[in-house]
Protein backbone atom coordinates (compact mmCIF):
# COMPACT_ATOMS: atom_id res chain seq x y z
CA UNK A 1 -4.71 -4.43 0.97
CA UNK A 2 -4.67 -7.38 -1.82
CA UNK A 3 -6.25 -10.72 0.09
CA UNK A 4 -2.92 -13.07 -0.36
CA UNK A 5 -0.89 -10.27 1.81
CA UNK A 6 -3.82 -9.86 4.39
CA UNK A 7 -3.60 -13.66 5.13
CA UNK A 8 0.23 -13.85 5.30
CA UNK A 9 0.03 -11.36 8.01
CA UNK A 10 -2.92 -13.35 9.88
CA UNK A 11 -1.07 -16.21 9.09
CA UNK A 12 2.40 -14.65 10.95
CA UNK A 13 0.23 -13.24 13.92
CA UNK A 14 -1.43 -16.14 14.51
CA UNK A 15 1.82 -17.93 14.80
CA UNK A 16 3.59 -15.37 16.69
CA UNK A 17 0.70 -14.62 19.14
CA UNK A 18 -0.54 -17.16 21.53
CA UNK A 19 -3.77 -15.44 22.09
CA UNK A 20 -5.51 -12.85 21.33
CA UNK A 21 -7.06 -11.90 24.26
CA UNK A 22 -7.68 -7.47 24.46
CA UNK A 23 -5.56 -6.49 27.59
CA UNK A 24 -8.41 -3.78 28.23
CA UNK A 25 -11.74 -5.60 28.43
CA UNK A 26 -10.27 -9.38 27.91
CA UNK A 27 -12.76 -10.16 25.30
CA UNK A 28 -10.72 -11.96 22.67
CA UNK A 29 -12.72 -10.94 18.84
CA UNK A 30 -10.27 -8.16 16.86
CA UNK A 31 -11.28 -6.90 13.70
CA UNK A 32 -8.16 -6.91 11.11
CA UNK A 33 -7.93 -3.10 9.89
CA UNK A 34 -8.02 -3.41 6.09
CA UNK A 35 -4.49 -1.13 5.16
CA UNK A 36 -1.54 -0.30 6.70
CA UNK A 37 -0.42 2.82 8.88
CA UNK A 38 3.17 3.82 9.72
CA UNK A 39 4.38 5.80 12.40
CA UNK A 40 7.00 8.71 11.41
CA UNK A 41 10.65 8.57 13.27
CA UNK A 42 11.97 12.02 13.75
CA UNK A 43 15.07 13.42 16.15
CA UNK A 44 12.58 15.99 17.62
CA UNK A 45 8.94 16.22 18.95
CA UNK A 46 8.29 19.57 17.98
CA UNK A 47 6.72 20.31 14.67
CA UNK A 48 6.11 17.36 12.00
CA UNK A 49 8.87 15.54 9.77
CA UNK A 50 7.21 14.20 6.80
CA UNK A 51 10.37 12.93 5.12
CA UNK A 52 12.37 10.54 6.98
CA UNK A 53 12.35 7.17 8.25
CA UNK A 54 8.83 5.33 9.10
CA UNK A 55 7.90 2.34 10.75
CA UNK A 56 5.28 0.34 9.25
CA UNK A 57 2.79 -1.51 10.99
CA UNK A 58 -0.69 -3.44 10.71
CA UNK A 59 -3.59 -2.95 13.12
CA UNK A 60 -6.12 -4.84 15.21
CA UNK A 61 -9.41 -3.64 16.92
CA UNK A 62 -11.14 -4.97 19.81
CA UNK A 63 -14.57 -5.44 18.46
CA UNK A 64 -15.93 -4.80 22.18
CA UNK A 65 -14.28 -2.11 23.50
CA UNK A 66 -12.30 -0.65 20.65
CA UNK A 67 -8.76 -0.81 21.69
CA UNK A 68 -6.16 -0.66 19.02
CA UNK A 69 -2.73 -2.75 19.16
CA UNK A 70 -0.25 -2.42 16.25
CA UNK A 71 2.07 -5.00 14.96
CA UNK A 72 5.68 -3.86 13.01
CA UNK A 73 5.93 -5.45 9.66
CA UNK A 74 9.48 -5.21 10.07
CA UNK A 75 9.73 -7.47 12.85
CA UNK A 76 7.33 -9.85 11.85
CA UNK A 77 9.28 -10.32 8.31
CA UNK A 78 6.63 -9.15 6.37
CA UNK A 79 8.64 -6.03 4.73
CA UNK A 80 9.43 -7.20 1.22
CA UNK A 81 11.15 -3.84 0.23
CA UNK A 82 13.72 -2.76 2.83
CA UNK A 83 14.26 0.95 1.81
CA UNK A 84 16.88 2.95 3.53
CA UNK A 85 13.77 5.25 5.20
CA UNK A 86 12.45 2.12 7.30
CA UNK A 87 13.19 1.70 10.69
CA UNK A 88 11.86 -1.91 11.06
CA UNK A 89 13.50 -4.60 12.70
CA UNK A 90 16.85 -2.61 13.45
CA UNK A 91 18.25 -2.44 17.49
CA UNK A 92 18.80 1.20 18.57
């Protein structure tokens, strides 16, 4: 991930989230995972559908207990290329 994009994500999260206290251990030190991950949106739970809709996200990890928090790029307004395969920001 480019440093400028990482900074944009961090700034956006900082504006929208008042406090990054871990809901498990209540510590407030997180690490930013340097990269993106996606959830695959599919209509059935059996099997794995590799082609289709996705939900891109960024991840923070609690430095104390390892709790993982994911944040939707679409809802944060950080998707540059809104392709037809993305479900980001859609109300379904």
